[in-house]
Every structure is written in C-alpha cells, then in structure tokens.
C-alpha cells in the first residue's frame, strides 16, 4: 500500500469515528433503532489489511466510542470481535472468480447486493454482542433481539447512504 493510500485510510477511519461521536450518536428511532456507523471504520479497510492490524484498529475504535458513550468496554468487545471475524466473513462471501488485490471494499466496487450482505452480517454480530453486553441478562433476550434487528437495518442503511457519497 502506498503512503497516499495509507493516509486516505487513516482519514476515512477518523471520519467514521468523528461522525459517530458527534453526529450519528443522536440518531435513534423509537428507542429501538440505534445507528453505529463507526463500524465501517473497520469493515471498509482494504482486503490486504492483516488480522492483527484489524483487531487492534477495531479495539481502538470501540474503545474510543466507549469513552464517549460511557459503555465500559462493550463497543471495544463488539468491534474486536467483528475485526477478528471480518476475514472469515469475506471468505464466505467470496465469488468464484475471487477478488482483485487492488479492489477496495466499497459499494461502487463490490456492488449493492454483496456490500449490503457483507455490511449486514458484520453489523448484526456487532449489535448482538453490544446489546447483549449492555443488557447483561438473558431475560432481556427478546428486547435485545428487537434492538439488534432494528439497529442492524438502520445502521446498514446509513452506511450504504454514506457510500453513495464516497468517491473512490
């Protein structure tokens, strides 16, 4: 990866964190759908990003959000898990012809069906872990499940909308 690409990825990573902390945090629909667009800071990193880097960046992004949300590590745990699982999810969704090494993980390069599936899978994992840790009670499983479903749809739609405005 060139220095220009690295700088670009750092700026995108920072953009998603700042967007979450200062703007997206306020997006809540009916107390069930919460937007966590910052997960795109890790899910949209280049294919060639190694797993250790993904995990460290995921932990850092989650911990940063935890500081501003007062969630005591729940976001860090959820982000670390999706960073760890990201290569496996990409492998599951790999088409027969494979991927071009230089191809970016974006809506424009991957296509809408693939991008929505990929984003939704990682988002559902993130939200399930996050809301279950926050509830810390299996008796609240159904309300947690409702929050996971609503928030996954909301977050996925927001990430897709942001991708429509992104230039590759």
N, C-alpha and C. Protein backbone atom coordinates (compact mmCIF):
# COMPACT_ATOMS: atom_id res chain seq x y z
N UNK A 1 0.84 -1.17 0.00
CA UNK A 1 0.00 0.00 0.00
C UNK A 1 0.89 1.24 0.00
N UNK A 2 0.54 2.23 -0.80
CA UNK A 2 1.33 3.45 -0.89
C UNK A 2 1.02 4.37 0.28
N UNK A 3 1.89 5.37 0.45
CA UNK A 3 1.67 6.33 1.54
C UNK A 3 0.36 7.09 1.34
N UNK A 4 0.02 7.37 0.09
CA UNK A 4 -1.23 8.07 -0.21
C UNK A 4 -2.43 7.23 0.23
N UNK A 5 -2.38 5.93 -0.05
CA UNK A 5 -3.47 5.03 0.34
C UNK A 5 -3.58 4.92 1.86
N UNK A 6 -2.43 4.85 2.53
CA UNK A 6 -2.43 4.75 3.99
C UNK A 6 -3.04 6.01 4.60
N UNK A 7 -2.63 7.18 4.09
CA UNK A 7 -3.18 8.44 4.58
C UNK A 7 -4.68 8.51 4.34
N UNK A 8 -5.10 8.06 3.17
CA UNK A 8 -6.53 8.04 2.85
C UNK A 8 -7.30 7.15 3.82
N UNK A 9 -6.77 5.97 4.14
CA UNK A 9 -7.43 5.06 5.07
C UNK A 9 -7.49 5.63 6.48
N UNK A 10 -6.42 6.31 6.90
CA UNK A 10 -6.41 6.94 8.22
C UNK A 10 -7.48 8.03 8.29
N UNK A 11 -7.61 8.82 7.23
CA UNK A 11 -8.63 9.87 7.21
C UNK A 11 -10.04 9.30 7.22
N UNK A 12 -10.27 8.23 6.47
CA UNK A 12 -11.59 7.59 6.46
C UNK A 12 -11.90 7.00 7.84
N UNK A 13 -10.91 6.35 8.44
CA UNK A 13 -11.07 5.78 9.78
C UNK A 13 -11.46 6.88 10.78
N UNK A 14 -10.72 7.98 10.76
CA UNK A 14 -11.02 9.12 11.64
C UNK A 14 -12.37 9.74 11.34
N UNK A 15 -12.72 9.82 10.06
CA UNK A 15 -14.02 10.38 9.67
C UNK A 15 -15.16 9.60 10.31
N UNK A 16 -15.12 8.28 10.20
CA UNK A 16 -16.20 7.46 10.76
C UNK A 16 -16.28 7.58 12.29
N UNK A 17 -15.14 7.66 12.95
CA UNK A 17 -15.15 7.82 14.41
C UNK A 17 -15.74 9.18 14.80
N UNK A 18 -15.29 10.24 14.15
CA UNK A 18 -15.81 11.58 14.46
C UNK A 18 -17.30 11.68 14.11
N UNK A 19 -17.68 11.09 12.99
CA UNK A 19 -19.09 11.09 12.60
C UNK A 19 -19.95 10.42 13.67
N UNK A 20 -19.48 9.29 14.18
CA UNK A 20 -20.22 8.57 15.22
C UNK A 20 -20.32 9.39 16.50
N UNK A 21 -19.20 9.93 16.95
CA UNK A 21 -19.15 10.62 18.24
C UNK A 21 -19.96 11.91 18.23
N UNK A 22 -19.90 12.67 17.15
CA UNK A 22 -20.52 13.99 17.16
C UNK A 22 -21.87 14.08 16.47
N UNK A 23 -22.19 13.18 15.54
CA UNK A 23 -23.44 13.32 14.80
C UNK A 23 -24.35 12.10 14.90
N UNK A 24 -23.83 10.95 14.54
CA UNK A 24 -24.66 9.74 14.44
C UNK A 24 -25.17 9.29 15.80
N UNK A 25 -24.47 9.67 16.84
CA UNK A 25 -24.87 9.32 18.20
C UNK A 25 -26.31 9.75 18.49
N UNK A 26 -26.73 10.82 17.86
CA UNK A 26 -28.06 11.37 18.10
C UNK A 26 -29.15 10.66 17.29
N UNK A 27 -28.77 9.81 16.36
CA UNK A 27 -29.75 9.12 15.52
C UNK A 27 -30.32 7.89 16.23
N UNK A 28 -31.50 8.05 16.77
CA UNK A 28 -32.19 6.95 17.46
C UNK A 28 -33.64 6.98 17.00
N UNK A 29 -34.14 5.84 16.55
CA UNK A 29 -35.53 5.75 16.11
C UNK A 29 -36.34 4.92 17.08
N UNK A 30 -37.32 5.54 17.71
CA UNK A 30 -38.29 4.86 18.58
C UNK A 30 -37.65 4.08 19.74
N UNK A 31 -36.50 4.47 20.19
CA UNK A 31 -35.76 3.81 21.27
C UNK A 31 -35.42 2.34 20.97
N UNK A 32 -35.48 1.94 19.73
CA UNK A 32 -35.11 0.57 19.35
C UNK A 32 -34.06 0.51 18.26
N UNK A 33 -34.00 1.52 17.41
CA UNK A 33 -33.04 1.51 16.31
C UNK A 33 -31.96 2.54 16.58
N UNK A 34 -30.75 2.05 16.82
CA UNK A 34 -29.60 2.89 17.09
C UNK A 34 -28.62 2.76 15.93
N UNK A 35 -27.99 3.85 15.58
CA UNK A 35 -27.04 3.83 14.46
C UNK A 35 -25.61 3.79 14.98
N UNK A 36 -24.85 2.83 14.51
CA UNK A 36 -23.44 2.70 14.85
C UNK A 36 -22.62 2.65 13.56
N UNK A 37 -22.65 3.75 12.83
CA UNK A 37 -21.96 3.82 11.53
C UNK A 37 -20.45 3.68 11.65
N UNK A 38 -19.92 3.88 12.85
CA UNK A 38 -18.47 3.81 13.03
C UNK A 38 -17.90 2.41 12.75
N UNK A 39 -18.75 1.39 12.73
CA UNK A 39 -18.22 0.06 12.43
C UNK A 39 -17.64 0.00 11.02
N UNK A 40 -18.06 0.93 10.16
CA UNK A 40 -17.50 0.99 8.81
C UNK A 40 -16.02 1.35 8.83
N UNK A 41 -15.56 1.94 9.93
CA UNK A 41 -14.13 2.29 10.03
C UNK A 41 -13.26 1.04 9.95
N UNK A 42 -13.78 -0.09 10.36
CA UNK A 42 -13.03 -1.36 10.29
C UNK A 42 -13.51 -2.22 9.13
N UNK A 43 -14.80 -2.24 8.88
CA UNK A 43 -15.32 -3.12 7.83
C UNK A 43 -14.89 -2.69 6.43
N UNK A 44 -14.56 -1.41 6.25
CA UNK A 44 -14.20 -0.93 4.92
C UNK A 44 -12.70 -0.80 4.70
N UNK A 45 -11.90 -1.33 5.60
CA UNK A 45 -10.45 -1.32 5.39
C UNK A 45 -10.11 -2.22 4.20
N UNK A 46 -8.98 -1.99 3.55
CA UNK A 46 -8.61 -2.79 2.37
C UNK A 46 -8.54 -4.30 2.65
N UNK A 47 -8.72 -5.09 1.60
CA UNK A 47 -8.66 -6.55 1.71
C UNK A 47 -7.35 -7.02 2.33
N UNK A 48 -6.25 -6.38 1.94
CA UNK A 48 -4.93 -6.88 2.37
C UNK A 48 -4.56 -6.52 3.80
N UNK A 49 -5.44 -5.83 4.53
CA UNK A 49 -5.16 -5.50 5.93
C UNK A 49 -5.08 -6.79 6.74
N UNK A 50 -3.97 -6.98 7.46
CA UNK A 50 -3.81 -8.24 8.19
C UNK A 50 -4.68 -8.26 9.45
N UNK A 51 -4.90 -9.45 9.95
CA UNK A 51 -5.84 -9.67 11.05
C UNK A 51 -5.42 -8.95 12.33
N UNK A 52 -4.14 -8.93 12.65
CA UNK A 52 -3.68 -8.26 13.87
C UNK A 52 -3.98 -6.76 13.80
N UNK A 53 -3.69 -6.16 12.65
CA UNK A 53 -3.99 -4.74 12.46
C UNK A 53 -5.49 -4.49 12.59
N UNK A 54 -6.29 -5.35 11.98
CA UNK A 54 -7.75 -5.22 12.08
C UNK A 54 -8.20 -5.26 13.53
N UNK A 55 -7.70 -6.21 14.28
CA UNK A 55 -8.11 -6.37 15.68
C UNK A 55 -7.70 -5.15 16.51
N UNK A 56 -6.48 -4.68 16.31
CA UNK A 56 -6.02 -3.50 17.05
C UNK A 56 -6.83 -2.26 16.70
N UNK A 57 -7.10 -2.06 15.41
CA UNK A 57 -7.91 -0.91 15.00
C UNK A 57 -9.35 -1.05 15.50
N UNK A 58 -9.88 -2.26 15.46
CA UNK A 58 -11.23 -2.48 15.97
C UNK A 58 -11.32 -2.18 17.45
N UNK A 59 -10.35 -2.65 18.21
CA UNK A 59 -10.32 -2.37 19.64
C UNK A 59 -10.20 -0.87 19.90
N UNK A 60 -9.31 -0.19 19.18
CA UNK A 60 -9.12 1.25 19.34
C UNK A 60 -10.40 2.01 19.01
N UNK A 61 -11.05 1.66 17.91
CA UNK A 61 -12.29 2.34 17.51
C UNK A 61 -13.37 2.12 18.57
N UNK A 62 -13.53 0.89 19.01
CA UNK A 62 -14.53 0.58 20.03
C UNK A 62 -14.25 1.27 21.34
N UNK A 63 -13.00 1.29 21.75
CA UNK A 63 -12.62 1.95 23.00
C UNK A 63 -12.86 3.45 22.93
N UNK A 64 -12.58 4.04 21.77
CA UNK A 64 -12.82 5.47 21.59
C UNK A 64 -14.31 5.78 21.75
N UNK A 65 -15.16 4.98 21.14
CA UNK A 65 -16.60 5.18 21.27
C UNK A 65 -17.04 4.92 22.71
N UNK A 66 -16.47 3.91 23.35
CA UNK A 66 -16.80 3.62 24.75
C UNK A 66 -16.53 4.82 25.65
N UNK A 67 -15.45 5.53 25.41
CA UNK A 67 -15.12 6.70 26.23
C UNK A 67 -16.22 7.75 26.13
N UNK A 68 -16.74 7.97 24.93
CA UNK A 68 -17.76 9.00 24.74
C UNK A 68 -19.17 8.52 25.08
N UNK A 69 -19.40 7.21 25.07
CA UNK A 69 -20.72 6.65 25.36
C UNK A 69 -20.83 6.12 26.79
N UNK A 70 -19.73 6.08 27.53
CA UNK A 70 -19.71 5.52 28.89
C UNK A 70 -20.23 4.08 28.92
N UNK A 71 -19.75 3.26 28.02
CA UNK A 71 -20.24 1.88 27.92
C UNK A 71 -19.24 0.84 28.43
N UNK A 72 -18.20 1.25 29.07
CA UNK A 72 -17.26 0.38 29.79
C UNK A 72 -16.82 -0.85 28.99
N UNK A 73 -16.38 -0.66 27.77
CA UNK A 73 -15.79 -1.75 27.00
C UNK A 73 -16.71 -2.54 26.11
N UNK A 74 -18.01 -2.27 26.12
CA UNK A 74 -18.94 -3.04 25.29
C UNK A 74 -18.66 -2.82 23.80
N UNK A 75 -18.44 -1.58 23.40
CA UNK A 75 -18.12 -1.30 22.00
C UNK A 75 -16.77 -1.88 21.61
N UNK A 76 -15.80 -1.81 22.52
CA UNK A 76 -14.48 -2.37 22.24
C UNK A 76 -14.58 -3.88 22.02
N UNK A 77 -15.36 -4.56 22.83
CA UNK A 77 -15.54 -6.01 22.68
C UNK A 77 -16.22 -6.35 21.35
N UNK A 78 -17.28 -5.62 21.03
CA UNK A 78 -18.02 -5.88 19.79
C UNK A 78 -17.16 -5.60 18.56
N UNK A 79 -16.42 -4.50 18.59
CA UNK A 79 -15.57 -4.15 17.44
C UNK A 79 -14.39 -5.12 17.30
N UNK A 80 -13.83 -5.55 18.41
CA UNK A 80 -12.73 -6.51 18.35
C UNK A 80 -13.21 -7.82 17.74
N UNK A 81 -14.41 -8.24 18.10
CA UNK A 81 -14.96 -9.48 17.55
C UNK A 81 -15.20 -9.35 16.04
N UNK A 82 -15.82 -8.26 15.59
CA UNK A 82 -16.07 -8.17 14.14
C UNK A 82 -14.77 -7.99 13.36
N UNK A 83 -13.78 -7.34 13.98
CA UNK A 83 -12.48 -7.22 13.31
C UNK A 83 -11.84 -8.61 13.16
N UNK A 84 -11.99 -9.44 14.17
CA UNK A 84 -11.46 -10.81 14.12
C UNK A 84 -12.21 -11.65 13.08
N UNK A 85 -13.53 -11.49 13.00
CA UNK A 85 -14.35 -12.31 12.11
C UNK A 85 -14.39 -11.80 10.67
N UNK A 86 -13.99 -10.56 10.44
CA UNK A 86 -14.07 -9.95 9.11
C UNK A 86 -13.43 -10.79 8.01
N UNK A 87 -12.20 -11.28 8.15
CA UNK A 87 -11.63 -12.11 7.08
C UNK A 87 -12.45 -13.37 6.79
N UNK A 88 -13.03 -13.96 7.81
CA UNK A 88 -13.86 -15.16 7.61
C UNK A 88 -15.15 -14.82 6.87
N UNK A 89 -15.75 -13.69 7.21
CA UNK A 89 -16.97 -13.26 6.52
C UNK A 89 -16.66 -12.97 5.05
N UNK A 90 -15.54 -12.31 4.80
CA UNK A 90 -15.13 -12.04 3.41
C UNK A 90 -14.92 -13.35 2.67
N UNK A 91 -14.30 -14.33 3.31
CA UNK A 91 -14.08 -15.64 2.67
C UNK A 91 -15.40 -16.32 2.34
N UNK A 92 -16.37 -16.22 3.24
CA UNK A 92 -17.69 -16.82 2.98
C UNK A 92 -18.39 -16.17 1.80
N UNK A 93 -18.17 -14.88 1.61
CA UNK A 93 -18.86 -14.14 0.56
C UNK A 93 -18.04 -14.04 -0.73
N UNK A 94 -16.89 -14.69 -0.79
CA UNK A 94 -16.01 -14.60 -1.96
C UNK A 94 -16.67 -15.24 -3.17
N UNK A 95 -16.75 -14.51 -4.28
CA UNK A 95 -17.29 -15.11 -5.50
C UNK A 95 -16.29 -16.12 -6.09
N UNK A 96 -16.74 -16.94 -7.02
CA UNK A 96 -15.89 -17.98 -7.61
C UNK A 96 -14.64 -17.41 -8.25
N UNK A 97 -14.75 -16.25 -8.86
CA UNK A 97 -13.60 -15.66 -9.54
C UNK A 97 -12.65 -14.97 -8.58
N UNK A 98 -13.03 -14.86 -7.31
CA UNK A 98 -12.17 -14.23 -6.30
C UNK A 98 -12.23 -12.71 -6.37
N UNK A 99 -11.31 -12.08 -5.69
CA UNK A 99 -11.23 -10.63 -5.65
C UNK A 99 -9.93 -10.16 -6.26
N UNK A 100 -9.95 -8.97 -6.80
CA UNK A 100 -8.73 -8.32 -7.26
C UNK A 100 -8.03 -7.75 -6.03
N UNK A 101 -6.75 -7.98 -5.90
CA UNK A 101 -5.99 -7.50 -4.73
C UNK A 101 -6.12 -5.99 -4.54
N UNK A 102 -6.23 -5.25 -5.63
CA UNK A 102 -6.30 -3.79 -5.54
C UNK A 102 -7.72 -3.29 -5.34
N UNK A 103 -8.69 -4.18 -5.37
CA UNK A 103 -10.08 -3.79 -5.24
C UNK A 103 -10.36 -3.28 -3.83
N UNK A 104 -11.16 -2.23 -3.75
CA UNK A 104 -11.49 -1.67 -2.44
C UNK A 104 -12.81 -2.24 -1.96
N UNK A 105 -12.99 -2.21 -0.67
CA UNK A 105 -14.25 -2.64 -0.07
C UNK A 105 -15.18 -1.44 -0.05
N UNK A 106 -15.90 -1.26 -1.12
CA UNK A 106 -16.83 -0.14 -1.20
C UNK A 106 -18.05 -0.57 -2.02
N UNK A 107 -19.09 0.20 -1.90
CA UNK A 107 -20.32 -0.09 -2.63
C UNK A 107 -20.08 -0.06 -4.13
N UNK A 108 -19.34 0.93 -4.60
CA UNK A 108 -19.13 1.07 -6.04
C UNK A 108 -18.30 -0.07 -6.64
N UNK A 109 -17.35 -0.60 -5.89
CA UNK A 109 -16.51 -1.66 -6.46
C UNK A 109 -17.08 -3.07 -6.24
N UNK A 110 -17.87 -3.26 -5.19
CA UNK A 110 -18.36 -4.60 -4.87
C UNK A 110 -19.80 -4.85 -5.34
N UNK A 111 -20.55 -3.79 -5.56
CA UNK A 111 -21.94 -3.94 -5.95
C UNK A 111 -22.87 -3.94 -4.75
N UNK A 112 -24.10 -3.51 -4.96
CA UNK A 112 -25.06 -3.34 -3.87
C UNK A 112 -25.39 -4.64 -3.13
N UNK A 113 -25.74 -5.74 -3.81
CA UNK A 113 -26.11 -6.96 -3.06
C UNK A 113 -24.97 -7.48 -2.17
N UNK A 114 -23.75 -7.55 -2.71
CA UNK A 114 -22.62 -8.03 -1.92
C UNK A 114 -22.35 -7.10 -0.75
N UNK A 115 -22.33 -5.80 -1.02
CA UNK A 115 -22.00 -4.82 0.01
C UNK A 115 -23.03 -4.83 1.15
N UNK A 116 -24.30 -4.89 0.82
CA UNK A 116 -25.35 -4.91 1.84
C UNK A 116 -25.25 -6.20 2.67
N UNK A 117 -25.04 -7.34 2.02
CA UNK A 117 -24.91 -8.60 2.75
C UNK A 117 -23.72 -8.56 3.70
N UNK A 118 -22.58 -8.14 3.19
CA UNK A 118 -21.36 -8.05 3.99
C UNK A 118 -21.55 -7.11 5.19
N UNK A 119 -22.08 -5.94 4.93
CA UNK A 119 -22.30 -4.95 6.00
C UNK A 119 -23.30 -5.47 7.02
N UNK A 120 -24.39 -6.06 6.55
CA UNK A 120 -25.43 -6.55 7.47
C UNK A 120 -24.93 -7.69 8.35
N UNK A 121 -24.14 -8.60 7.80
CA UNK A 121 -23.62 -9.72 8.60
C UNK A 121 -22.74 -9.21 9.73
N UNK A 122 -21.79 -8.34 9.42
CA UNK A 122 -20.91 -7.82 10.47
C UNK A 122 -21.66 -6.91 11.43
N UNK A 123 -22.64 -6.19 10.94
CA UNK A 123 -23.43 -5.30 11.80
C UNK A 123 -24.27 -6.10 12.78
N UNK A 124 -24.87 -7.18 12.34
CA UNK A 124 -25.70 -8.00 13.23
C UNK A 124 -24.83 -8.61 14.34
N UNK A 125 -23.63 -9.03 14.00
CA UNK A 125 -22.72 -9.58 15.02
C UNK A 125 -22.36 -8.50 16.03
N UNK A 126 -21.98 -7.33 15.52
CA UNK A 126 -21.61 -6.21 16.40
C UNK A 126 -22.76 -5.86 17.34
N UNK A 127 -23.94 -5.68 16.78
CA UNK A 127 -25.09 -5.24 17.58
C UNK A 127 -25.51 -6.30 18.59
N UNK A 128 -25.46 -7.57 18.20
CA UNK A 128 -25.85 -8.62 19.13
C UNK A 128 -24.92 -8.63 20.35
N UNK A 129 -23.62 -8.57 20.11
CA UNK A 129 -22.66 -8.54 21.21
C UNK A 129 -22.85 -7.28 22.05
N UNK A 130 -22.94 -6.14 21.40
CA UNK A 130 -23.06 -4.86 22.11
C UNK A 130 -24.30 -4.81 23.00
N UNK A 131 -25.45 -5.11 22.43
CA UNK A 131 -26.69 -5.00 23.20
C UNK A 131 -26.82 -6.09 24.27
N UNK A 132 -26.29 -7.26 23.99
CA UNK A 132 -26.32 -8.32 25.00
C UNK A 132 -25.40 -7.98 26.18
N UNK A 133 -24.24 -7.41 25.89
CA UNK A 133 -23.35 -6.97 26.98
C UNK A 133 -23.97 -5.83 27.79
N UNK A 134 -24.64 -4.92 27.10
CA UNK A 134 -25.29 -3.81 27.81
C UNK A 134 -26.44 -4.30 28.68
N UNK A 135 -27.21 -5.27 28.17
CA UNK A 135 -28.35 -5.79 28.94
C UNK A 135 -27.86 -6.67 30.08
N UNK A 136 -26.82 -7.43 29.84
CA UNK A 136 -26.22 -8.36 30.81
C UNK A 136 -27.23 -9.26 31.52
N UNK A 137 -28.28 -9.64 30.78
CA UNK A 137 -29.31 -10.50 31.36
C UNK A 137 -30.01 -11.25 30.23
N UNK A 138 -29.96 -12.58 30.25
CA UNK A 138 -30.62 -13.37 29.21
C UNK A 138 -32.13 -13.22 29.27
N UNK A 139 -32.66 -12.73 30.38
CA UNK A 139 -34.10 -12.49 30.49
C UNK A 139 -34.57 -11.38 29.57
N UNK A 140 -33.64 -10.56 29.14
CA UNK A 140 -33.96 -9.46 28.22
C UNK A 140 -33.65 -9.83 26.77
N UNK A 141 -33.59 -11.12 26.48
CA UNK A 141 -33.19 -11.57 25.15
C UNK A 141 -34.10 -11.04 24.05
N UNK A 142 -35.41 -11.09 24.24
CA UNK A 142 -36.33 -10.62 23.18
C UNK A 142 -36.21 -9.12 22.92
N UNK A 143 -36.19 -8.28 23.97
CA UNK A 143 -35.96 -6.85 23.67
C UNK A 143 -34.60 -6.60 23.01
N UNK A 144 -33.59 -7.35 23.42
CA UNK A 144 -32.26 -7.21 22.80
C UNK A 144 -32.34 -7.62 21.33
N UNK A 145 -33.02 -8.71 21.04
CA UNK A 145 -33.17 -9.18 19.66
C UNK A 145 -33.88 -8.14 18.80
N UNK A 146 -34.92 -7.51 19.35
CA UNK A 146 -35.63 -6.46 18.62
C UNK A 146 -34.71 -5.28 18.34
N UNK A 147 -33.92 -4.88 19.33
CA UNK A 147 -32.95 -3.79 19.14
C UNK A 147 -31.91 -4.16 18.08
N UNK A 148 -31.46 -5.41 18.11
CA UNK A 148 -30.45 -5.86 17.14
C UNK A 148 -31.01 -5.78 15.73
N UNK A 149 -32.22 -6.27 15.53
CA UNK A 149 -32.82 -6.27 14.19
C UNK A 149 -33.03 -4.84 13.69
N UNK A 150 -33.67 -4.01 14.51
CA UNK A 150 -33.95 -2.63 14.11
C UNK A 150 -32.66 -1.84 13.88
N UNK A 151 -31.71 -1.99 14.78
CA UNK A 151 -30.45 -1.25 14.66
C UNK A 151 -29.61 -1.73 13.49
N UNK A 152 -29.67 -3.01 13.19
CA UNK A 152 -28.93 -3.54 12.04
C UNK A 152 -29.45 -2.94 10.74
N UNK A 153 -30.76 -2.91 10.60
CA UNK A 153 -31.36 -2.32 9.40
C UNK A 153 -30.97 -0.84 9.31
N UNK A 154 -31.12 -0.11 10.41
CA UNK A 154 -30.82 1.32 10.44
C UNK A 154 -29.35 1.59 10.13
N UNK A 155 -28.45 0.89 10.79
CA UNK A 155 -27.02 1.10 10.58
C UNK A 155 -26.61 0.74 9.16
N UNK A 156 -27.11 -0.37 8.65
CA UNK A 156 -26.77 -0.79 7.29
C UNK A 156 -27.23 0.24 6.27
N UNK A 157 -28.44 0.75 6.43
CA UNK A 157 -28.96 1.77 5.52
C UNK A 157 -28.10 3.03 5.57
N UNK A 158 -27.73 3.47 6.76
CA UNK A 158 -26.90 4.67 6.90
C UNK A 158 -25.53 4.47 6.25
N UNK A 159 -24.90 3.31 6.46
CA UNK A 159 -23.59 3.05 5.85
C UNK A 159 -23.71 3.01 4.33
N UNK A 160 -24.77 2.42 3.80
CA UNK A 160 -24.98 2.39 2.35
C UNK A 160 -25.19 3.80 1.82
N UNK A 161 -25.97 4.62 2.51
CA UNK A 161 -26.18 6.00 2.08
C UNK A 161 -24.87 6.77 2.07
N UNK A 162 -24.05 6.61 3.10
CA UNK A 162 -22.74 7.27 3.14
C UNK A 162 -21.89 6.82 1.96
N UNK A 163 -21.97 5.54 1.59
CA UNK A 163 -21.19 5.02 0.47
C UNK A 163 -21.59 5.65 -0.86
N UNK A 164 -22.85 6.05 -0.99
CA UNK A 164 -23.28 6.70 -2.23
C UNK A 164 -22.58 8.04 -2.43
N UNK A 165 -22.12 8.66 -1.36
CA UNK A 165 -21.45 9.95 -1.45
C UNK A 165 -19.93 9.83 -1.47
N UNK A 166 -19.42 8.63 -1.37
CA UNK A 166 -17.97 8.41 -1.33
C UNK A 166 -17.40 8.36 -2.74
N UNK A 167 -16.26 9.00 -2.92
CA UNK A 167 -15.55 8.92 -4.20
C UNK A 167 -14.39 7.95 -4.05
N UNK A 168 -14.26 7.03 -4.98
CA UNK A 168 -13.13 6.07 -4.94
C UNK A 168 -11.92 6.63 -5.63
